[in-house]
Structures are given as structure tokens and as C-alpha cells.
Amino acid sequence: FRILQYPFGRWLATQITPRSLVEE
């Protein structure tokens, strides 16, 4: 949710979704 607070983070979240990030 912290990543989604930023425009670049929102774009990046549509492209790169590591399983480790989901687990964390």
C-alpha cells in the first residue's frame, strides 16, 4: 500500500509484482 501512494509506484505495480513483495 505504501508503494501505491506514489505515481511511479502505481505504474511499477502494474508491471512488476514479485511474489516476495506480496508475501511481505
mmCIF file of all heavy atoms, coordinates in Angstrom:
data_MODEL
# 
_entry.id   MODEL 
# 
loop_
_atom_site.group_PDB 
_atom_site.id 
_atom_site.type_symbol 
_atom_site.label_atom_id 
_atom_site.label_alt_id 
_atom_site.label_comp_id 
_atom_site.label_asym_id 
_atom_site.label_entity_id 
_atom_site.label_seq_id 
_atom_site.pdbx_PDB_ins_code 
_atom_site.Cartn_x 
_atom_site.Cartn_y 
_atom_site.Cartn_z 
_atom_site.occupancy 
_atom_site.B_iso_or_equiv 
_atom_site.pdbx_formal_charge 
_atom_site.auth_seq_id 
_atom_site.auth_comp_id 
_atom_site.auth_asym_id 
_atom_site.auth_atom_id 
_atom_site.pdbx_PDB_model_num 
ATOM 1   N N   . PHE A 1 1  ? 0.823  -1.205  0.000   1.00 0.00 ? 1  PHE A N   1 
ATOM 2   C CA  . PHE A 1 1  ? 0.000  0.000   0.000   1.00 0.00 ? 1  PHE A CA  1 
ATOM 3   C C   . PHE A 1 1  ? 0.859  1.258   0.000   1.00 0.00 ? 1  PHE A C   1 
ATOM 4   O O   . PHE A 1 1  ? 0.468  2.289   -0.558  1.00 0.00 ? 1  PHE A O   1 
ATOM 5   C CB  . PHE A 1 1  ? -0.950 -0.007  1.193   1.00 0.00 ? 1  PHE A CB  1 
ATOM 6   C CG  . PHE A 1 1  ? -2.064 -1.015  1.070   1.00 0.00 ? 1  PHE A CG  1 
ATOM 7   C CD1 . PHE A 1 1  ? -2.278 -1.963  2.064   1.00 0.00 ? 1  PHE A CD1 1 
ATOM 8   C CD2 . PHE A 1 1  ? -2.882 -1.034  -0.042  1.00 0.00 ? 1  PHE A CD2 1 
ATOM 9   C CE1 . PHE A 1 1  ? -3.298 -2.892  1.952   1.00 0.00 ? 1  PHE A CE1 1 
ATOM 10  C CE2 . PHE A 1 1  ? -3.911 -1.964  -0.162  1.00 0.00 ? 1  PHE A CE2 1 
ATOM 11  C CZ  . PHE A 1 1  ? -4.114 -2.894  0.829   1.00 0.00 ? 1  PHE A CZ  1 
ATOM 12  N N   . ARG A 1 2  ? 2.049  1.193   0.615   1.00 0.00 ? 2  ARG A N   1 
ATOM 13  C CA  . ARG A 1 2  ? 2.930  2.367   0.613   1.00 0.00 ? 2  ARG A CA  1 
ATOM 14  C C   . ARG A 1 2  ? 3.424  2.669   -0.796  1.00 0.00 ? 2  ARG A C   1 
ATOM 15  O O   . ARG A 1 2  ? 3.513  3.830   -1.194  1.00 0.00 ? 2  ARG A O   1 
ATOM 16  C CB  . ARG A 1 2  ? 4.113  2.150   1.560   1.00 0.00 ? 2  ARG A CB  1 
ATOM 17  C CG  . ARG A 1 2  ? 3.717  2.094   3.036   1.00 0.00 ? 2  ARG A CG  1 
ATOM 18  C CD  . ARG A 1 2  ? 4.899  2.382   3.945   1.00 0.00 ? 2  ARG A CD  1 
ATOM 19  N NE  . ARG A 1 2  ? 5.979  1.428   3.791   1.00 0.00 ? 2  ARG A NE  1 
ATOM 20  C CZ  . ARG A 1 2  ? 6.074  0.283   4.464   1.00 0.00 ? 2  ARG A CZ  1 
ATOM 21  N NH1 . ARG A 1 2  ? 5.119  -0.055  5.325   1.00 0.00 ? 2  ARG A NH1 1 
ATOM 22  N NH2 . ARG A 1 2  ? 7.092  -0.526  4.304   1.00 0.00 ? 2  ARG A NH2 1 
ATOM 23  N N   . ILE A 1 3  ? 3.731  1.639   -1.565  1.00 0.00 ? 3  ILE A N   1 
ATOM 24  C CA  . ILE A 1 3  ? 4.196  1.840   -2.944  1.00 0.00 ? 3  ILE A CA  1 
ATOM 25  C C   . ILE A 1 3  ? 3.132  2.544   -3.771  1.00 0.00 ? 3  ILE A C   1 
ATOM 26  O O   . ILE A 1 3  ? 3.429  3.402   -4.618  1.00 0.00 ? 3  ILE A O   1 
ATOM 27  C CB  . ILE A 1 3  ? 4.574  0.479   -3.571  1.00 0.00 ? 3  ILE A CB  1 
ATOM 28  C CG1 . ILE A 1 3  ? 5.880  -0.038  -2.955  1.00 0.00 ? 3  ILE A CG1 1 
ATOM 29  C CG2 . ILE A 1 3  ? 4.699  0.575   -5.086  1.00 0.00 ? 3  ILE A CG2 1 
ATOM 30  C CD1 . ILE A 1 3  ? 6.235  -1.453  -3.373  1.00 0.00 ? 3  ILE A CD1 1 
ATOM 31  N N   . LEU A 1 4  ? 1.870  2.227   -3.524  1.00 0.00 ? 4  LEU A N   1 
ATOM 32  C CA  . LEU A 1 4  ? 0.772  2.777   -4.317  1.00 0.00 ? 4  LEU A CA  1 
ATOM 33  C C   . LEU A 1 4  ? 0.505  4.248   -4.023  1.00 0.00 ? 4  LEU A C   1 
ATOM 34  O O   . LEU A 1 4  ? -0.300 4.879   -4.713  1.00 0.00 ? 4  LEU A O   1 
ATOM 35  C CB  . LEU A 1 4  ? -0.504 1.966   -4.065  1.00 0.00 ? 4  LEU A CB  1 
ATOM 36  C CG  . LEU A 1 4  ? -0.477 0.525   -4.570  1.00 0.00 ? 4  LEU A CG  1 
ATOM 37  C CD1 . LEU A 1 4  ? -1.701 -0.230  -4.087  1.00 0.00 ? 4  LEU A CD1 1 
ATOM 38  C CD2 . LEU A 1 4  ? -0.391 0.477   -6.089  1.00 0.00 ? 4  LEU A CD2 1 
ATOM 39  N N   . GLN A 1 5  ? 1.188  4.818   -3.045  1.00 0.00 ? 5  GLN A N   1 
ATOM 40  C CA  . GLN A 1 5  ? 0.991  6.231   -2.727  1.00 0.00 ? 5  GLN A CA  1 
ATOM 41  C C   . GLN A 1 5  ? 1.660  7.145   -3.741  1.00 0.00 ? 5  GLN A C   1 
ATOM 42  O O   . GLN A 1 5  ? 1.367  8.341   -3.792  1.00 0.00 ? 5  GLN A O   1 
ATOM 43  C CB  . GLN A 1 5  ? 1.539  6.523   -1.330  1.00 0.00 ? 5  GLN A CB  1 
ATOM 44  C CG  . GLN A 1 5  ? 0.782  5.833   -0.208  1.00 0.00 ? 5  GLN A CG  1 
ATOM 45  C CD  . GLN A 1 5  ? 1.437  6.054   1.147   1.00 0.00 ? 5  GLN A CD  1 
ATOM 46  O OE1 . GLN A 1 5  ? 2.415  6.795   1.269   1.00 0.00 ? 5  GLN A OE1 1 
ATOM 47  N NE2 . GLN A 1 5  ? 0.908  5.406   2.176   1.00 0.00 ? 5  GLN A NE2 1 
ATOM 48  N N   . TYR A 1 6  ? 2.555  6.601   -4.574  1.00 0.00 ? 6  TYR A N   1 
ATOM 49  C CA  . TYR A 1 6  ? 3.343  7.418   -5.493  1.00 0.00 ? 6  TYR A CA  1 
ATOM 50  C C   . TYR A 1 6  ? 3.032  7.064   -6.945  1.00 0.00 ? 6  TYR A C   1 
ATOM 51  O O   . TYR A 1 6  ? 2.840  5.892   -7.280  1.00 0.00 ? 6  TYR A O   1 
ATOM 52  C CB  . TYR A 1 6  ? 4.835  7.217   -5.222  1.00 0.00 ? 6  TYR A CB  1 
ATOM 53  C CG  . TYR A 1 6  ? 5.197  7.466   -3.778  1.00 0.00 ? 6  TYR A CG  1 
ATOM 54  C CD1 . TYR A 1 6  ? 5.347  6.402   -2.883  1.00 0.00 ? 6  TYR A CD1 1 
ATOM 55  C CD2 . TYR A 1 6  ? 5.366  8.767   -3.306  1.00 0.00 ? 6  TYR A CD2 1 
ATOM 56  C CE1 . TYR A 1 6  ? 5.660  6.635   -1.550  1.00 0.00 ? 6  TYR A CE1 1 
ATOM 57  C CE2 . TYR A 1 6  ? 5.690  9.001   -1.967  1.00 0.00 ? 6  TYR A CE2 1 
ATOM 58  C CZ  . TYR A 1 6  ? 5.835  7.932   -1.102  1.00 0.00 ? 6  TYR A CZ  1 
ATOM 59  O OH  . TYR A 1 6  ? 6.135  8.165   0.215   1.00 0.00 ? 6  TYR A OH  1 
ATOM 60  N N   . PRO A 1 7  ? 2.986  8.074   -7.843  1.00 0.00 ? 7  PRO A N   1 
ATOM 61  C CA  . PRO A 1 7  ? 2.649  7.800   -9.254  1.00 0.00 ? 7  PRO A CA  1 
ATOM 62  C C   . PRO A 1 7  ? 3.541  6.747   -9.896  1.00 0.00 ? 7  PRO A C   1 
ATOM 63  O O   . PRO A 1 7  ? 3.047  5.837   -10.571 1.00 0.00 ? 7  PRO A O   1 
ATOM 64  C CB  . PRO A 1 7  ? 2.809  9.166   -9.924  1.00 0.00 ? 7  PRO A CB  1 
ATOM 65  C CG  . PRO A 1 7  ? 2.564  10.151  -8.819  1.00 0.00 ? 7  PRO A CG  1 
ATOM 66  C CD  . PRO A 1 7  ? 3.122  9.517   -7.572  1.00 0.00 ? 7  PRO A CD  1 
ATOM 67  N N   . PHE A 1 8  ? 4.872  6.864   -9.699  1.00 0.00 ? 8  PHE A N   1 
ATOM 68  C CA  . PHE A 1 8  ? 5.757  5.875   -10.302 1.00 0.00 ? 8  PHE A CA  1 
ATOM 69  C C   . PHE A 1 8  ? 5.528  4.497   -9.687  1.00 0.00 ? 8  PHE A C   1 
ATOM 70  O O   . PHE A 1 8  ? 5.564  3.471   -10.377 1.00 0.00 ? 8  PHE A O   1 
ATOM 71  C CB  . PHE A 1 8  ? 7.222  6.281   -10.120 1.00 0.00 ? 8  PHE A CB  1 
ATOM 72  C CG  . PHE A 1 8  ? 8.197  5.284   -10.708 1.00 0.00 ? 8  PHE A CG  1 
ATOM 73  C CD1 . PHE A 1 8  ? 8.324  5.145   -12.079 1.00 0.00 ? 8  PHE A CD1 1 
ATOM 74  C CD2 . PHE A 1 8  ? 8.967  4.468   -9.876  1.00 0.00 ? 8  PHE A CD2 1 
ATOM 75  C CE1 . PHE A 1 8  ? 9.206  4.218   -12.626 1.00 0.00 ? 8  PHE A CE1 1 
ATOM 76  C CE2 . PHE A 1 8  ? 9.847  3.546   -10.412 1.00 0.00 ? 8  PHE A CE2 1 
ATOM 77  C CZ  . PHE A 1 8  ? 9.968  3.421   -11.796 1.00 0.00 ? 8  PHE A CZ  1 
ATOM 78  N N   . GLY A 1 9  ? 5.261  4.463   -8.378  1.00 0.00 ? 9  GLY A N   1 
ATOM 79  C CA  . GLY A 1 9  ? 4.983  3.197   -7.711  1.00 0.00 ? 9  GLY A CA  1 
ATOM 80  C C   . GLY A 1 9  ? 3.727  2.543   -8.265  1.00 0.00 ? 9  GLY A C   1 
ATOM 81  O O   . GLY A 1 9  ? 3.676  1.317   -8.425  1.00 0.00 ? 9  GLY A O   1 
ATOM 82  N N   . ARG A 1 10 ? 2.692  3.354   -8.566  1.00 0.00 ? 10 ARG A N   1 
ATOM 83  C CA  . ARG A 1 10 ? 1.457  2.795   -9.129  1.00 0.00 ? 10 ARG A CA  1 
ATOM 84  C C   . ARG A 1 10 ? 1.711  2.199   -10.504 1.00 0.00 ? 10 ARG A C   1 
ATOM 85  O O   . ARG A 1 10 ? 1.192  1.132   -10.841 1.00 0.00 ? 10 ARG A O   1 
ATOM 86  C CB  . ARG A 1 10 ? 0.379  3.879   -9.186  1.00 0.00 ? 10 ARG A CB  1 
ATOM 87  C CG  . ARG A 1 10 ? -0.137 4.277   -7.804  1.00 0.00 ? 10 ARG A CG  1 
ATOM 88  C CD  . ARG A 1 10 ? -1.393 5.102   -7.904  1.00 0.00 ? 10 ARG A CD  1 
ATOM 89  N NE  . ARG A 1 10 ? -1.166 6.440   -8.435  1.00 0.00 ? 10 ARG A NE  1 
ATOM 90  C CZ  . ARG A 1 10 ? -0.872 7.494   -7.695  1.00 0.00 ? 10 ARG A CZ  1 
ATOM 91  N NH1 . ARG A 1 10 ? -0.769 7.373   -6.374  1.00 0.00 ? 10 ARG A NH1 1 
ATOM 92  N NH2 . ARG A 1 10 ? -0.709 8.684   -8.242  1.00 0.00 ? 10 ARG A NH2 1 
ATOM 93  N N   . TRP A 1 11 ? 2.515  2.919   -11.318 1.00 0.00 ? 11 TRP A N   1 
ATOM 94  C CA  . TRP A 1 11 ? 2.829  2.358   -12.646 1.00 0.00 ? 11 TRP A CA  1 
ATOM 95  C C   . TRP A 1 11 ? 3.659  1.092   -12.503 1.00 0.00 ? 11 TRP A C   1 
ATOM 96  O O   . TRP A 1 11 ? 3.373  0.082   -13.155 1.00 0.00 ? 11 TRP A O   1 
ATOM 97  C CB  . TRP A 1 11 ? 3.594  3.382   -13.482 1.00 0.00 ? 11 TRP A CB  1 
ATOM 98  C CG  . TRP A 1 11 ? 4.033  2.805   -14.797 1.00 0.00 ? 11 TRP A CG  1 
ATOM 99  C CD1 . TRP A 1 11 ? 3.294  2.683   -15.939 1.00 0.00 ? 11 TRP A CD1 1 
ATOM 100 C CD2 . TRP A 1 11 ? 5.313  2.218   -15.082 1.00 0.00 ? 11 TRP A CD2 1 
ATOM 101 N NE1 . TRP A 1 11 ? 4.018  2.065   -16.918 1.00 0.00 ? 11 TRP A NE1 1 
ATOM 102 C CE2 . TRP A 1 11 ? 5.268  1.759   -16.429 1.00 0.00 ? 11 TRP A CE2 1 
ATOM 103 C CE3 . TRP A 1 11 ? 6.481  2.028   -14.348 1.00 0.00 ? 11 TRP A CE3 1 
ATOM 104 C CZ2 . TRP A 1 11 ? 6.360  1.138   -17.040 1.00 0.00 ? 11 TRP A CZ2 1 
ATOM 105 C CZ3 . TRP A 1 11 ? 7.560  1.405   -14.952 1.00 0.00 ? 11 TRP A CZ3 1 
ATOM 106 C CH2 . TRP A 1 11 ? 7.496  0.975   -16.284 1.00 0.00 ? 11 TRP A CH2 1 
ATOM 107 N N   . LEU A 1 12 ? 4.656  1.134   -11.633 1.00 0.00 ? 12 LEU A N   1 
ATOM 108 C CA  . LEU A 1 12 ? 5.525  -0.025  -11.455 1.00 0.00 ? 12 LEU A CA  1 
ATOM 109 C C   . LEU A 1 12 ? 4.729  -1.232  -10.972 1.00 0.00 ? 12 LEU A C   1 
ATOM 110 O O   . LEU A 1 12 ? 4.991  -2.369  -11.377 1.00 0.00 ? 12 LEU A O   1 
ATOM 111 C CB  . LEU A 1 12 ? 6.628  0.321   -10.452 1.00 0.00 ? 12 LEU A CB  1 
ATOM 112 C CG  . LEU A 1 12 ? 7.883  -0.569  -10.464 1.00 0.00 ? 12 LEU A CG  1 
ATOM 113 C CD1 . LEU A 1 12 ? 8.596  -0.444  -11.792 1.00 0.00 ? 12 LEU A CD1 1 
ATOM 114 C CD2 . LEU A 1 12 ? 8.808  -0.179  -9.318  1.00 0.00 ? 12 LEU A CD2 1 
ATOM 115 N N   . ALA A 1 13 ? 3.713  -0.991  -10.140 1.00 0.00 ? 13 ALA A N   1 
ATOM 116 C CA  . ALA A 1 13 ? 2.914  -2.087  -9.595  1.00 0.00 ? 13 ALA A CA  1 
ATOM 117 C C   . ALA A 1 13 ? 2.103  -2.797  -10.673 1.00 0.00 ? 13 ALA A C   1 
ATOM 118 O O   . ALA A 1 13 ? 1.701  -3.948  -10.484 1.00 0.00 ? 13 ALA A O   1 
ATOM 119 C CB  . ALA A 1 13 ? 1.979  -1.563  -8.509  1.00 0.00 ? 13 ALA A CB  1 
ATOM 120 N N   . THR A 1 14 ? 1.884  -2.131  -11.803 1.00 0.00 ? 14 THR A N   1 
ATOM 121 C CA  . THR A 1 14 ? 1.164  -2.789  -12.907 1.00 0.00 ? 14 THR A CA  1 
ATOM 122 C C   . THR A 1 14 ? 2.095  -3.644  -13.758 1.00 0.00 ? 14 THR A C   1 
ATOM 123 O O   . THR A 1 14 ? 1.619  -4.398  -14.615 1.00 0.00 ? 14 THR A O   1 
ATOM 124 C CB  . THR A 1 14 ? 0.471  -1.758  -13.819 1.00 0.00 ? 14 THR A CB  1 
ATOM 125 O OG1 . THR A 1 14 ? 1.474  -0.974  -14.504 1.00 0.00 ? 14 THR A OG1 1 
ATOM 126 C CG2 . THR A 1 14 ? -0.433 -0.835  -13.023 1.00 0.00 ? 14 THR A CG2 1 
ATOM 127 N N   . GLN A 1 15 ? 3.402  -3.531  -13.536 1.00 0.00 ? 15 GLN A N   1 
ATOM 128 C CA  . GLN A 1 15 ? 4.373  -4.222  -14.374 1.00 0.00 ? 15 GLN A CA  1 
ATOM 129 C C   . GLN A 1 15 ? 5.189  -5.267  -13.623 1.00 0.00 ? 15 GLN A C   1 
ATOM 130 O O   . GLN A 1 15 ? 5.476  -6.337  -14.156 1.00 0.00 ? 15 GLN A O   1 
ATOM 131 C CB  . GLN A 1 15 ? 5.343  -3.194  -15.002 1.00 0.00 ? 15 GLN A CB  1 
ATOM 132 C CG  . GLN A 1 15 ? 4.669  -2.097  -15.794 1.00 0.00 ? 15 GLN A CG  1 
ATOM 133 C CD  . GLN A 1 15 ? 3.965  -2.612  -17.016 1.00 0.00 ? 15 GLN A CD  1 
ATOM 134 O OE1 . GLN A 1 15 ? 4.465  -3.524  -17.707 1.00 0.00 ? 15 GLN A OE1 1 
ATOM 135 N NE2 . GLN A 1 15 ? 2.797  -2.058  -17.329 1.00 0.00 ? 15 GLN A NE2 1 
ATOM 136 N N   . ILE A 1 16 ? 5.569  -4.934  -12.405 1.00 0.00 ? 16 ILE A N   1 
ATOM 137 C CA  . ILE A 1 16 ? 6.467  -5.799  -11.641 1.00 0.00 ? 16 ILE A CA  1 
ATOM 138 C C   . ILE A 1 16 ? 5.801  -6.132  -10.307 1.00 0.00 ? 16 ILE A C   1 
ATOM 139 O O   . ILE A 1 16 ? 5.537  -5.240  -9.500  1.00 0.00 ? 16 ILE A O   1 
ATOM 140 C CB  . ILE A 1 16 ? 7.833  -5.123  -11.405 1.00 0.00 ? 16 ILE A CB  1 
ATOM 141 C CG1 . ILE A 1 16 ? 8.519  -4.836  -12.744 1.00 0.00 ? 16 ILE A CG1 1 
ATOM 142 C CG2 . ILE A 1 16 ? 8.720  -5.994  -10.530 1.00 0.00 ? 16 ILE A CG2 1 
ATOM 143 C CD1 . ILE A 1 16 ? 9.821  -4.063  -12.620 1.00 0.00 ? 16 ILE A CD1 1 
ATOM 144 N N   . THR A 1 17 ? 5.520  -7.398  -10.101 1.00 0.00 ? 17 THR A N   1 
ATOM 145 C CA  . THR A 1 17 ? 4.847  -7.837  -8.872  1.00 0.00 ? 17 THR A CA  1 
ATOM 146 C C   . THR A 1 17 ? 5.568  -9.066  -8.325  1.00 0.00 ? 17 THR A C   1 
ATOM 147 O O   . THR A 1 17 ? 5.143  -10.201 -8.535  1.00 0.00 ? 17 THR A O   1 
ATOM 148 C CB  . THR A 1 17 ? 3.363  -8.166  -9.149  1.00 0.00 ? 17 THR A CB  1 
ATOM 149 O OG1 . THR A 1 17 ? 2.773  -7.101  -9.890  1.00 0.00 ? 17 THR A OG1 1 
ATOM 150 C CG2 . THR A 1 17 ? 2.594  -8.366  -7.842  1.00 0.00 ? 17 THR A CG2 1 
ATOM 151 N N   . PRO A 1 18 ? 6.667  -8.877  -7.624  1.00 0.00 ? 18 PRO A N   1 
ATOM 152 C CA  . PRO A 1 18 ? 7.406  -10.029 -7.099  1.00 0.00 ? 18 PRO A CA  1 
ATOM 153 C C   . PRO A 1 18 ? 6.576  -10.784 -6.053  1.00 0.00 ? 18 PRO A C   1 
ATOM 154 O O   . PRO A 1 18 ? 5.877  -10.175 -5.251  1.00 0.00 ? 18 PRO A O   1 
ATOM 155 C CB  . PRO A 1 18 ? 8.646  -9.399  -6.455  1.00 0.00 ? 18 PRO A CB  1 
ATOM 156 C CG  . PRO A 1 18 ? 8.710  -8.005  -6.964  1.00 0.00 ? 18 PRO A CG  1 
ATOM 157 C CD  . PRO A 1 18 ? 7.311  -7.603  -7.267  1.00 0.00 ? 18 PRO A CD  1 
ATOM 158 N N   . ARG A 1 19 ? 6.685  -12.069 -6.073  1.00 0.00 ? 19 ARG A N   1 
ATOM 159 C CA  . ARG A 1 19 ? 5.992  -12.876 -5.061  1.00 0.00 ? 19 ARG A CA  1 
ATOM 160 C C   . ARG A 1 19 ? 6.459  -12.498 -3.660  1.00 0.00 ? 19 ARG A C   1 
ATOM 161 O O   . ARG A 1 19 ? 5.660  -12.480 -2.715  1.00 0.00 ? 19 ARG A O   1 
ATOM 162 C CB  . ARG A 1 19 ? 6.262  -14.363 -5.323  1.00 0.00 ? 19 ARG A CB  1 
ATOM 163 C CG  . ARG A 1 19 ? 5.494  -15.324 -4.399  1.00 0.00 ? 19 ARG A CG  1 
ATOM 164 C CD  . ARG A 1 19 ? 5.824  -16.764 -4.768  1.00 0.00 ? 19 ARG A CD  1 
ATOM 165 N NE  . ARG A 1 19 ? 5.057  -17.723 -3.970  1.00 0.00 ? 19 ARG A NE  1 
ATOM 166 C CZ  . ARG A 1 19 ? 5.403  -18.154 -2.757  1.00 0.00 ? 19 ARG A CZ  1 
ATOM 167 N NH1 . ARG A 1 19 ? 6.514  -17.686 -2.173  1.00 0.00 ? 19 ARG A NH1 1 
ATOM 168 N NH2 . ARG A 1 19 ? 4.651  -19.042 -2.109  1.00 0.00 ? 19 ARG A NH2 1 
ATOM 169 N N   . SER A 1 20 ? 7.746  -12.166 -3.533  1.00 0.00 ? 20 SER A N   1 
ATOM 170 C CA  . SER A 1 20 ? 8.282  -11.801 -2.222  1.00 0.00 ? 20 SER A CA  1 
ATOM 171 C C   . SER A 1 20 ? 7.629  -10.534 -1.682  1.00 0.00 ? 20 SER A C   1 
ATOM 172 O O   . SER A 1 20 ? 7.431  -10.395 -0.468  1.00 0.00 ? 20 SER A O   1 
ATOM 173 C CB  . SER A 1 20 ? 9.799  -11.603 -2.310  1.00 0.00 ? 20 SER A CB  1 
ATOM 174 O OG  . SER A 1 20 ? 10.120 -10.597 -3.264  1.00 0.00 ? 20 SER A OG  1 
ATOM 175 N N   . LEU A 1 21 ? 7.284  -9.598  -2.568  1.00 0.00 ? 21 LEU A N   1 
ATOM 176 C CA  . LEU A 1 21 ? 6.615  -8.373  -2.137  1.00 0.00 ? 21 LEU A CA  1 
ATOM 177 C C   . LEU A 1 21 ? 5.205  -8.675  -1.642  1.00 0.00 ? 21 LEU A C   1 
ATOM 178 O O   . LEU A 1 21 ? 4.752  -8.115  -0.635  1.00 0.00 ? 21 LEU A O   1 
ATOM 179 C CB  . LEU A 1 21 ? 6.560  -7.374  -3.293  1.00 0.00 ? 21 LEU A CB  1 
ATOM 180 C CG  . LEU A 1 21 ? 5.852  -6.052  -3.003  1.00 0.00 ? 21 LEU A CG  1 
ATOM 181 C CD1 . LEU A 1 21 ? 6.595  -5.266  -1.929  1.00 0.00 ? 21 LEU A CD1 1 
ATOM 182 C CD2 . LEU A 1 21 ? 5.725  -5.225  -4.284  1.00 0.00 ? 21 LEU A CD2 1 
ATOM 183 N N   . VAL A 1 22 ? 4.511  -9.574  -2.337  1.00 0.00 ? 22 VAL A N   1 
ATOM 184 C CA  . VAL A 1 22 ? 3.166  -9.972  -1.915  1.00 0.00 ? 22 VAL A CA  1 
ATOM 185 C C   . VAL A 1 22 ? 3.241  -10.656 -0.551  1.00 0.00 ? 22 VAL A C   1 
ATOM 186 O O   . VAL A 1 22 ? 2.419  -10.389 0.335   1.00 0.00 ? 22 VAL A O   1 
ATOM 187 C CB  . VAL A 1 22 ? 2.517  -10.892 -2.964  1.00 0.00 ? 22 VAL A CB  1 
ATOM 188 C CG1 . VAL A 1 22 ? 1.193  -11.457 -2.456  1.00 0.00 ? 22 VAL A CG1 1 
ATOM 189 C CG2 . VAL A 1 22 ? 2.295  -10.136 -4.274  1.00 0.00 ? 22 VAL A CG2 1 
ATOM 190 N N   . GLU A 1 23 ? 4.227  -11.514 -0.375  1.00 0.00 ? 23 GLU A N   1 
ATOM 191 C CA  . GLU A 1 23 ? 4.379  -12.193 0.922   1.00 0.00 ? 23 GLU A CA  1 
ATOM 192 C C   . GLU A 1 23 ? 4.642  -11.187 2.041   1.00 0.00 ? 23 GLU A C   1 
ATOM 193 O O   . GLU A 1 23 ? 4.030  -11.274 3.120   1.00 0.00 ? 23 GLU A O   1 
ATOM 194 C CB  . GLU A 1 23 ? 5.514  -13.218 0.876   1.00 0.00 ? 23 GLU A CB  1 
ATOM 195 C CG  . GLU A 1 23 ? 5.724  -13.908 2.217   1.00 0.00 ? 23 GLU A CG  1 
ATOM 196 C CD  . GLU A 1 23 ? 6.822  -14.967 2.196   1.00 0.00 ? 23 GLU A CD  1 
ATOM 197 O OE1 . GLU A 1 23 ? 7.461  -15.142 1.136   1.00 0.00 ? 23 GLU A OE1 1 
ATOM 198 O OE2 . GLU A 1 23 ? 7.031  -15.618 3.242   1.00 0.00 ? 23 GLU A OE2 1 
ATOM 199 N N   . GLU A 1 24 ? 5.529  -10.233 1.778   1.00 0.00 ? 24 GLU A N   1 
ATOM 200 C CA  . GLU A 1 24 ? 5.857  -9.243  2.804   1.00 0.00 ? 24 GLU A CA  1 
ATOM 201 C C   . GLU A 1 24 ? 4.621  -8.414  3.162   1.00 0.00 ? 24 GLU A C   1 
ATOM 202 O O   . GLU A 1 24 ? 4.371  -8.130  4.344   1.00 0.00 ? 24 GLU A O   1 
ATOM 203 C CB  . GLU A 1 24 ? 6.985  -8.332  2.317   1.00 0.00 ? 24 GLU A CB  1 
ATOM 204 C CG  . GLU A 1 24 ? 7.472  -7.349  3.368   1.00 0.00 ? 24 GLU A CG  1 
ATOM 205 C CD  . GLU A 1 24 ? 8.674  -6.531  2.912   1.00 0.00 ? 24 GLU A CD  1 
ATOM 206 O OE1 . GLU A 1 24 ? 9.256  -6.863  1.859   1.00 0.00 ? 24 GLU A OE1 1 
ATOM 207 O OE2 . GLU A 1 24 ? 9.008  -5.556  3.604   1.00 0.00 ? 24 GLU A OE2 1 
# 
